[in-house]
Full PDB file with SEQRES, HELIX, SHEET, SSBOND, CRYST1, ORIGX, SCALE, CONECT and MASTER records, all heavy atoms in Angstrom:
SEQRES   1 A   34  GLN VAL LYS MET VAL LEU GLY SER SER GLU LEU PRO ASP          
SEQRES   2 A   34  ALA ASP SER HIS ASN VAL VAL ALA GLU ILE ARG GLY ARG          
SEQRES   3 A   34  GLU LYS PRO GLN GLU ILE VAL LEU                              
CRYST1    1.000    1.000    1.000  90.00  90.00  90.00 P 1           1          
ORIGX1      1.000000  0.000000  0.000000        0.00000                         
ORIGX2      0.000000  1.000000  0.000000        0.00000                         
ORIGX3      0.000000  0.000000  1.000000        0.00000                         
SCALE1      1.000000  0.000000  0.000000        0.00000                         
SCALE2      0.000000  1.000000  0.000000        0.00000                         
SCALE3      0.000000  0.000000  1.000000        0.00000                         
ATOM      1  N   GLN A   1     137.766 110.661 118.508  1.00  0.00           N  
ATOM      2  CA  GLN A   1     137.652 109.944 119.772  1.00  0.00           C  
ATOM      3  C   GLN A   1     138.972 110.016 120.521  1.00  0.00           C  
ATOM      4  O   GLN A   1     140.056 109.936 119.930  1.00  0.00           O  
ATOM      5  CB  GLN A   1     137.286 108.481 119.538  1.00  0.00           C  
ATOM      6  CG  GLN A   1     135.804 108.222 119.336  1.00  0.00           C  
ATOM      7  CD  GLN A   1     135.436 106.784 119.654  1.00  0.00           C  
ATOM      8  OE1 GLN A   1     136.207 105.857 119.405  1.00  0.00           O  
ATOM      9  NE2 GLN A   1     134.255 106.594 120.209  1.00  0.00           N  
ATOM     10  N   VAL A   2     138.859 110.170 121.833  1.00  0.00           N  
ATOM     11  CA  VAL A   2     140.023 110.256 122.706  1.00  0.00           C  
ATOM     12  C   VAL A   2     139.889 109.228 123.820  1.00  0.00           C  
ATOM     13  O   VAL A   2     138.779 108.966 124.302  1.00  0.00           O  
ATOM     14  CB  VAL A   2     140.154 111.680 123.303  1.00  0.00           C  
ATOM     15  CG1 VAL A   2     141.010 111.677 124.561  1.00  0.00           C  
ATOM     16  CG2 VAL A   2     140.740 112.640 122.278  1.00  0.00           C  
ATOM     17  N   LYS A   3     141.018 108.661 124.208  1.00  0.00           N  
ATOM     18  CA  LYS A   3     141.075 107.813 125.394  1.00  0.00           C  
ATOM     19  C   LYS A   3     142.001 108.467 126.401  1.00  0.00           C  
ATOM     20  O   LYS A   3     143.089 108.921 126.045  1.00  0.00           O  
ATOM     21  CB  LYS A   3     141.595 106.415 125.057  1.00  0.00           C  
ATOM     22  CG  LYS A   3     141.712 105.509 126.283  1.00  0.00           C  
ATOM     23  CD  LYS A   3     142.230 104.119 125.929  1.00  0.00           C  
ATOM     24  CE  LYS A   3     142.348 103.251 127.181  1.00  0.00           C  
ATOM     25  NZ  LYS A   3     142.831 101.882 126.882  1.00  0.00           N  
ATOM     26  N   MET A   4     141.544 108.551 127.647  1.00  0.00           N  
ATOM     27  CA  MET A   4     142.425 109.050 128.703  1.00  0.00           C  
ATOM     28  C   MET A   4     142.319 108.162 129.935  1.00  0.00           C  
ATOM     29  O   MET A   4     141.248 107.618 130.242  1.00  0.00           O  
ATOM     30  CB  MET A   4     142.144 110.514 129.047  1.00  0.00           C  
ATOM     31  CG  MET A   4     140.770 110.842 129.536  1.00  0.00           C  
ATOM     32  SD  MET A   4     140.637 112.644 129.821  1.00  0.00           S  
ATOM     33  CE  MET A   4     139.027 112.775 130.570  1.00  0.00           C  
ATOM     34  N   VAL A   5     143.453 108.015 130.597  1.00  0.00           N  
ATOM     35  CA  VAL A   5     143.548 107.219 131.821  1.00  0.00           C  
ATOM     36  C   VAL A   5     144.100 108.126 132.912  1.00  0.00           C  
ATOM     37  O   VAL A   5     145.229 108.621 132.802  1.00  0.00           O  
ATOM     38  CB  VAL A   5     144.467 105.996 131.632  1.00  0.00           C  
ATOM     39  CG1 VAL A   5     144.565 105.208 132.935  1.00  0.00           C  
ATOM     40  CG2 VAL A   5     143.970 105.112 130.505  1.00  0.00           C  
ATOM     41  N   LEU A   6     143.318 108.376 133.944  1.00  0.00           N  
ATOM     42  CA  LEU A   6     143.733 109.215 135.064  1.00  0.00           C  
ATOM     43  C   LEU A   6     143.603 108.394 136.348  1.00  0.00           C  
ATOM     44  O   LEU A   6     142.550 107.828 136.615  1.00  0.00           O  
ATOM     45  CB  LEU A   6     142.863 110.474 135.158  1.00  0.00           C  
ATOM     46  CG  LEU A   6     142.742 111.343 133.908  1.00  0.00           C  
ATOM     47  CD1 LEU A   6     141.872 112.565 134.200  1.00  0.00           C  
ATOM     48  CD2 LEU A   6     144.101 111.766 133.387  1.00  0.00           C  
ATOM     49  N   GLY A   7     144.662 108.365 137.119  1.00  0.00           N  
ATOM     50  CA  GLY A   7     144.671 107.555 138.353  1.00  0.00           C  
ATOM     51  C   GLY A   7     144.705 108.379 139.618  1.00  0.00           C  
ATOM     52  O   GLY A   7     145.236 107.936 140.634  1.00  0.00           O  
ATOM     53  N   SER A   8     144.150 109.574 139.585  1.00  0.00           N  
ATOM     54  CA  SER A   8     144.194 110.458 140.756  1.00  0.00           C  
ATOM     55  C   SER A   8     143.336 109.926 141.895  1.00  0.00           C  
ATOM     56  O   SER A   8     142.431 109.106 141.687  1.00  0.00           O  
ATOM     57  CB  SER A   8     143.722 111.860 140.357  1.00  0.00           C  
ATOM     58  OG  SER A   8     142.466 111.773 139.707  1.00  0.00           O  
ATOM     59  N   SER A   9     143.602 110.413 143.093  1.00  0.00           N  
ATOM     60  CA  SER A   9     142.819 109.996 144.260  1.00  0.00           C  
ATOM     61  C   SER A   9     142.724 111.143 145.256  1.00  0.00           C  
ATOM     62  O   SER A   9     143.636 111.979 145.355  1.00  0.00           O  
ATOM     63  CB  SER A   9     143.443 108.771 144.933  1.00  0.00           C  
ATOM     64  OG  SER A   9     144.783 109.027 145.316  1.00  0.00           O  
ATOM     65  N   GLU A  10     141.617 111.187 145.966  1.00  0.00           N  
ATOM     66  CA  GLU A  10     141.376 112.200 147.005  1.00  0.00           C  
ATOM     67  C   GLU A  10     141.434 111.489 148.345  1.00  0.00           C  
ATOM     68  O   GLU A  10     140.565 110.704 148.687  1.00  0.00           O  
ATOM     69  CB  GLU A  10     140.005 112.843 146.800  1.00  0.00           C  
ATOM     70  CG  GLU A  10     139.769 114.064 147.659  1.00  0.00           C  
ATOM     71  CD  GLU A  10     140.395 115.323 147.080  1.00  0.00           C  
ATOM     72  OE1 GLU A  10     140.274 115.547 145.871  1.00  0.00           O  
ATOM     73  OE2 GLU A  10     141.011 116.075 147.864  1.00  0.00           O  
ATOM     74  N   LEU A  11     142.482 111.764 149.107  1.00  0.00           N  
ATOM     75  CA  LEU A  11     142.654 111.157 150.417  1.00  0.00           C  
ATOM     76  C   LEU A  11     141.989 112.035 151.481  1.00  0.00           C  
ATOM     77  O   LEU A  11     141.639 113.188 151.216  1.00  0.00           O  
ATOM     78  CB  LEU A  11     144.149 110.986 150.712  1.00  0.00           C  
ATOM     79  CG  LEU A  11     144.941 110.151 149.692  1.00  0.00           C  
ATOM     80  CD1 LEU A  11     146.401 110.065 150.099  1.00  0.00           C  
ATOM     81  CD2 LEU A  11     144.332 108.766 149.516  1.00  0.00           C  
ATOM     82  N   PRO A  12     141.812 111.521 152.704  1.00  0.00           N  
ATOM     83  CA  PRO A  12     141.244 112.363 153.766  1.00  0.00           C  
ATOM     84  C   PRO A  12     142.083 113.621 153.975  1.00  0.00           C  
ATOM     85  O   PRO A  12     143.303 113.620 153.767  1.00  0.00           O  
ATOM     86  CB  PRO A  12     141.293 111.454 154.992  1.00  0.00           C  
ATOM     87  CG  PRO A  12     141.271 110.067 154.441  1.00  0.00           C  
ATOM     88  CD  PRO A  12     142.036 110.127 153.156  1.00  0.00           C  
ATOM     89  N   ASP A  13     141.423 114.703 154.367  1.00  0.00           N  
ATOM     90  CA  ASP A  13     142.138 115.949 154.648  1.00  0.00           C  
ATOM     91  C   ASP A  13     143.300 115.694 155.599  1.00  0.00           C  
ATOM     92  O   ASP A  13     143.212 114.854 156.511  1.00  0.00           O  
ATOM     93  CB  ASP A  13     141.200 116.984 155.254  1.00  0.00           C  
ATOM     94  CG  ASP A  13     140.250 117.573 154.216  1.00  0.00           C  
ATOM     95  OD1 ASP A  13     140.397 117.245 153.029  1.00  0.00           O  
ATOM     96  OD2 ASP A  13     139.368 118.355 154.608  1.00  0.00           O  
ATOM     97  N   ALA A  14     144.387 116.418 155.377  1.00  0.00           N  
ATOM     98  CA  ALA A  14     145.617 116.215 156.145  1.00  0.00           C  
ATOM     99  C   ALA A  14     145.860 117.376 157.104  1.00  0.00           C  
ATOM    100  O   ALA A  14     145.416 118.498 156.872  1.00  0.00           O  
ATOM    101  CB  ALA A  14     146.806 116.075 155.192  1.00  0.00           C  
ATOM    102  N   ASP A  15     146.585 117.101 158.164  1.00  0.00           N  
ATOM    103  CA  ASP A  15     147.020 118.135 159.091  1.00  0.00           C  
ATOM    104  C   ASP A  15     148.259 118.818 158.531  1.00  0.00           C  
ATOM    105  O   ASP A  15     149.224 118.161 158.149  1.00  0.00           O  
ATOM    106  CB  ASP A  15     147.341 117.542 160.461  1.00  0.00           C  
ATOM    107  CG  ASP A  15     146.114 116.996 161.168  1.00  0.00           C  
ATOM    108  OD1 ASP A  15     145.045 117.619 161.065  1.00  0.00           O  
ATOM    109  OD2 ASP A  15     146.215 115.924 161.804  1.00  0.00           O  
ATOM    110  N   SER A  16     148.237 120.129 158.466  1.00  0.00           N  
ATOM    111  CA  SER A  16     149.388 120.883 157.998  1.00  0.00           C  
ATOM    112  C   SER A  16     149.468 122.177 158.788  1.00  0.00           C  
ATOM    113  O   SER A  16     148.802 122.327 159.815  1.00  0.00           O  
ATOM    114  CB  SER A  16     149.279 121.150 156.494  1.00  0.00           C  
ATOM    115  OG  SER A  16     150.474 121.696 155.988  1.00  0.00           O  
ATOM    116  N   HIS A  17     150.291 123.127 158.287  1.00  0.00           N  
ATOM    117  CA  HIS A  17     150.536 124.345 159.061  1.00  0.00           C  
ATOM    118  C   HIS A  17     150.832 125.527 158.157  1.00  0.00           C  
ATOM    119  O   HIS A  17     151.462 125.380 157.097  1.00  0.00           O  
ATOM    120  CB  HIS A  17     151.737 124.167 160.006  1.00  0.00           C  
ATOM    121  CG  HIS A  17     151.572 123.072 161.004  1.00  0.00           C  
ATOM    122  ND1 HIS A  17     151.896 121.762 160.725  1.00  0.00           N  
ATOM    123  CD2 HIS A  17     151.097 123.107 162.285  1.00  0.00           C  
ATOM    124  CE1 HIS A  17     151.647 121.032 161.793  1.00  0.00           C  
ATOM    125  NE2 HIS A  17     151.160 121.804 162.737  1.00  0.00           N  
ATOM    126  N   ASN A  18     150.389 126.704 158.585  1.00  0.00           N  
ATOM    127  CA  ASN A  18     150.988 127.961 158.144  1.00  0.00           C  
ATOM    128  C   ASN A  18     152.226 128.203 158.995  1.00  0.00           C  
ATOM    129  O   ASN A  18     152.284 127.782 160.163  1.00  0.00           O  
ATOM    130  CB  ASN A  18     150.035 129.134 158.355  1.00  0.00           C  
ATOM    131  CG  ASN A  18     148.837 129.111 157.414  1.00  0.00           C  
ATOM    132  OD1 ASN A  18     148.897 128.554 156.323  1.00  0.00           O  
ATOM    133  ND2 ASN A  18     147.744 129.731 157.834  1.00  0.00           N  
ATOM    134  N   VAL A  19     153.210 128.877 158.438  1.00  0.00           N  
ATOM    135  CA  VAL A  19     154.381 129.294 159.213  1.00  0.00           C  
ATOM    136  C   VAL A  19     154.295 130.801 159.404  1.00  0.00           C  
ATOM    137  O   VAL A  19     154.127 131.549 158.439  1.00  0.00           O  
ATOM    138  CB  VAL A  19     155.688 128.919 158.501  1.00  0.00           C  
ATOM    139  CG1 VAL A  19     156.891 129.357 159.342  1.00  0.00           C  
ATOM    140  CG2 VAL A  19     155.745 127.414 158.249  1.00  0.00           C  
ATOM    141  N   VAL A  20     154.399 131.240 160.642  1.00  0.00           N  
ATOM    142  CA  VAL A  20     154.260 132.651 160.988  1.00  0.00           C  
ATOM    143  C   VAL A  20     155.538 133.108 161.689  1.00  0.00           C  
ATOM    144  O   VAL A  20     156.085 132.387 162.530  1.00  0.00           O  
ATOM    145  CB  VAL A  20     153.043 132.891 161.902  1.00  0.00           C  
ATOM    146  CG1 VAL A  20     152.845 134.382 162.169  1.00  0.00           C  
ATOM    147  CG2 VAL A  20     151.783 132.283 161.286  1.00  0.00           C  
ATOM    148  N   ALA A  21     156.019 134.275 161.322  1.00  0.00           N  
ATOM    149  CA  ALA A  21     157.216 134.840 161.951  1.00  0.00           C  
ATOM    150  C   ALA A  21     156.962 136.317 162.226  1.00  0.00           C  
ATOM    151  O   ALA A  21     156.093 136.935 161.595  1.00  0.00           O  
ATOM    152  CB  ALA A  21     158.432 134.660 161.054  1.00  0.00           C  
ATOM    153  N   GLU A  22     157.727 136.885 163.142  1.00  0.00           N  
ATOM    154  CA  GLU A  22     157.398 138.241 163.574  1.00  0.00           C  
ATOM    155  C   GLU A  22     158.619 138.997 164.069  1.00  0.00           C  
ATOM    156  O   GLU A  22     159.486 138.453 164.747  1.00  0.00           O  
ATOM    157  CB  GLU A  22     156.358 138.151 164.696  1.00  0.00           C  
ATOM    158  CG  GLU A  22     155.616 139.431 164.967  1.00  0.00           C  
ATOM    159  CD  GLU A  22     154.428 139.190 165.896  1.00  0.00           C  
ATOM    160  OE1 GLU A  22     154.633 139.207 167.122  1.00  0.00           O  
ATOM    161  OE2 GLU A  22     153.310 138.973 165.381  1.00  0.00           O  
ATOM    162  N   ILE A  23     158.660 140.279 163.706  1.00  0.00           N  
ATOM    163  CA  ILE A  23     159.617 141.237 164.258  1.00  0.00           C  
ATOM    164  C   ILE A  23     158.784 142.269 165.005  1.00  0.00           C  
ATOM    165  O   ILE A  23     158.028 143.031 164.402  1.00  0.00           O  
ATOM    166  CB  ILE A  23     160.440 141.911 163.147  1.00  0.00           C  
ATOM    167  CG1 ILE A  23     161.178 140.853 162.316  1.00  0.00           C  
ATOM    168  CG2 ILE A  23     161.414 142.932 163.736  1.00  0.00           C  
ATOM    169  CD1 ILE A  23     161.670 141.366 160.992  1.00  0.00           C  
ATOM    170  N   ARG A  24     158.906 142.306 166.297  1.00  0.00           N  
ATOM    171  CA  ARG A  24     158.047 143.136 167.121  1.00  0.00           C  
ATOM    172  C   ARG A  24     158.409 144.608 166.965  1.00  0.00           C  
ATOM    173  O   ARG A  24     159.577 145.010 167.011  1.00  0.00           O  
ATOM    174  CB  ARG A  24     158.164 142.730 168.591  1.00  0.00           C  
ATOM    175  CG  ARG A  24     157.183 143.440 169.513  1.00  0.00           C  
ATOM    176  CD  ARG A  24     157.232 142.827 170.906  1.00  0.00           C  
ATOM    177  NE  ARG A  24     156.400 143.561 171.858  1.00  0.00           N  
ATOM    178  CZ  ARG A  24     155.092 143.442 171.970  1.00  0.00           C  
ATOM    179  NH1 ARG A  24     154.454 142.577 171.189  1.00  0.00           N  
ATOM    180  NH2 ARG A  24     154.408 144.156 172.857  1.00  0.00           N  
ATOM    181  N   GLY A  25     157.397 145.454 166.767  1.00  0.00           N  
ATOM    182  CA  GLY A  25     157.609 146.879 166.599  1.00  0.00           C  
ATOM    183  C   GLY A  25     158.075 147.552 167.875  1.00  0.00           C  
ATOM    184  O   GLY A  25     157.735 147.120 168.977  1.00  0.00           O  
ATOM    185  N   ARG A  26     158.821 148.630 167.733  1.00  0.00           N  
ATOM    186  CA  ARG A  26     159.405 149.284 168.910  1.00  0.00           C  
ATOM    187  C   ARG A  26     158.430 150.256 169.589  1.00  0.00           C  
ATOM    188  O   ARG A  26     158.531 150.466 170.806  1.00  0.00           O  
ATOM    189  CB  ARG A  26     160.697 150.009 168.536  1.00  0.00           C  
ATOM    190  CG  ARG A  26     160.519 151.259 167.699  1.00  0.00           C  
ATOM    191  CD  ARG A  26     161.831 151.973 167.415  1.00  0.00           C  
ATOM    192  NE  ARG A  26     161.593 153.269 166.809  1.00  0.00           N  
ATOM    193  CZ  ARG A  26     161.388 153.473 165.520  1.00  0.00           C  
ATOM    194  NH1 ARG A  26     161.413 152.432 164.688  1.00  0.00           N  
ATOM    195  NH2 ARG A  26     161.167 154.696 165.057  1.00  0.00           N  
ATOM    196  N   GLU A  27     157.521 150.873 168.828  1.00  0.00           N  
ATOM    197  CA  GLU A  27     156.623 151.875 169.408  1.00  0.00           C  
ATOM    198  C   GLU A  27     155.161 151.449 169.390  1.00  0.00           C  
ATOM    199  O   GLU A  27     154.423 151.723 170.331  1.00  0.00           O  
ATOM    200  CB  GLU A  27     156.752 153.205 168.640  1.00  0.00           C  
ATOM    201  CG  GLU A  27     158.062 153.924 168.852  1.00  0.00           C  
ATOM    202  CD  GLU A  27     158.096 155.247 168.094  1.00  0.00           C  
ATOM    203  OE1 GLU A  27     157.047 155.629 167.502  1.00  0.00           O  
ATOM    204  OE2 GLU A  27     159.156 155.893 168.075  1.00  0.00           O  
ATOM    205  N   LYS A  28     154.748 150.793 168.319  1.00  0.00           N  
ATOM    206  CA  LYS A  28     153.347 150.394 168.168  1.00  0.00           C  
ATOM    207  C   LYS A  28     153.274 148.911 167.818  1.00  0.00           C  
ATOM    208  O   LYS A  28     152.815 148.525 166.737  1.00  0.00           O  
ATOM    209  CB  LYS A  28     152.673 151.233 167.084  1.00  0.00           C  
ATOM    210  CG  LYS A  28     152.684 152.730 167.378  1.00  0.00           C  
ATOM    211  CD  LYS A  28     152.014 153.509 166.254  1.00  0.00           C  
ATOM    212  CE  LYS A  28     151.981 155.002 166.577  1.00  0.00           C  
ATOM    213  NZ  LYS A  28     151.300 155.786 165.514  1.00  0.00           N  
ATOM    214  N   PRO A  29     153.730 148.070 168.730  1.00  0.00           N  
ATOM    215  CA  PRO A  29     153.790 146.634 168.403  1.00  0.00           C  
ATOM    216  C   PRO A  29     152.425 146.015 168.142  1.00  0.00           C  
ATOM    217  O   PRO A  29     152.331 144.968 167.510  1.00  0.00           O  
ATOM    218  CB  PRO A  29     154.457 146.029 169.643  1.00  0.00           C  
ATOM    219  CG  PRO A  29     154.163 146.993 170.746  1.00  0.00           C  
ATOM    220  CD  PRO A  29     154.189 148.339 170.099  1.00  0.00           C  
ATOM    221  N   GLN A  30     151.369 146.674 168.624  1.00  0.00           N  
ATOM    222  CA  GLN A  30     150.029 146.123 168.404  1.00  0.00           C  
ATOM    223  C   GLN A  30     149.566 146.319 166.966  1.00  0.00           C  
ATOM    224  O   GLN A  30     148.643 145.646 166.505  1.00  0.00           O  
ATOM    225  CB  GLN A  30     149.026 146.759 169.376  1.00  0.00           C  
ATOM    226  CG  GLN A  30     148.630 148.191 169.052  1.00  0.00           C  
ATOM    227  CD  GLN A  30     149.688 149.225 169.463  1.00  0.00           C  
ATOM    228  OE1 GLN A  30     150.754 148.873 169.982  1.00  0.00           O  
ATOM    229  NE2 GLN A  30     149.376 150.493 169.269  1.00  0.00           N  
ATOM    230  N   GLU A  31     150.200 147.229 166.214  1.00  0.00           N  
ATOM    231  CA  GLU A  31     149.856 147.449 164.818  1.00  0.00           C  
ATOM    232  C   GLU A  31     150.719 146.546 163.944  1.00  0.00           C  
ATOM    233  O   GLU A  31     151.936 146.482 164.116  1.00  0.00           O  
ATOM    234  CB  GLU A  31     150.046 148.916 164.438  1.00  0.00           C  
ATOM    235  CG  GLU A  31     149.081 149.848 165.168  1.00  0.00           C  
ATOM    236  CD  GLU A  31     149.195 151.293 164.704  1.00  0.00           C  
ATOM    237  OE1 GLU A  31     150.030 151.561 163.811  1.00  0.00           O  
ATOM    238  OE2 GLU A  31     148.450 152.145 165.229  1.00  0.00           O  
ATOM    239  N   ILE A  32     150.097 145.851 163.007  1.00  0.00           N  
ATOM    240  CA  ILE A  32     150.772 144.778 162.267  1.00  0.00           C  
ATOM    241  C   ILE A  32     150.820 145.087 160.779  1.00  0.00           C  
ATOM    242  O   ILE A  32     149.795 145.411 160.162  1.00  0.00           O  
ATOM    243  CB  ILE A  32     150.042 143.441 162.498  1.00  0.00           C  
ATOM    244  CG1 ILE A  32     150.134 143.038 163.973  1.00  0.00           C  
ATOM    245  CG2 ILE A  32     150.612 142.332 161.613  1.00  0.00           C  
ATOM    246  CD1 ILE A  32     149.177 141.937 164.367  1.00  0.00           C  
ATOM    247  N   VAL A  33     152.011 144.990 160.208  1.00  0.00           N  
ATOM    248  CA  VAL A  33     152.212 144.998 158.763  1.00  0.00           C  
ATOM    249  C   VAL A  33     152.495 143.554 158.360  1.00  0.00           C  
ATOM    250  O   VAL A  33     153.501 142.972 158.764  1.00  0.00           O  
ATOM    251  CB  VAL A  33     153.378 145.915 158.357  1.00  0.00           C  
ATOM    252  CG1 VAL A  33     153.662 145.786 156.862  1.00  0.00           C  
ATOM    253  CG2 VAL A  33     153.065 147.361 158.718  1.00  0.00           C  
ATOM    254  N   LEU A  34     151.599 142.973 157.600  1.00  0.00           N  
ATOM    255  CA  LEU A  34     151.702 141.559 157.236  1.00  0.00           C  
ATOM    256  C   LEU A  34     152.296 141.443 155.832  1.00  0.00           C  
ATOM    257  O   LEU A  34     151.857 142.111 154.898  1.00  0.00           O  
ATOM    258  CB  LEU A  34     150.310 140.918 157.274  1.00  0.00           C  
ATOM    259  CG  LEU A  34     150.211 139.418 157.003  1.00  0.00           C  
ATOM    260  CD1 LEU A  34     149.044 138.825 157.779  1.00  0.00           C  
ATOM    261  CD2 LEU A  34     150.020 139.129 155.509  1.00  0.00           C  
TER     262      LEU A  34                                                      
MASTER        0    0    0    0    0    0    0    6  261    1    0    3          
END                                                                             
């Protein structure tokens, strides 16, 4: 027999962000290497 106590909680979804940065190409800036 095992006893476990877990107090986790699921809060409402949060607002966050991806961070995007860019070095614009000199000849074919419309083509993207991610």
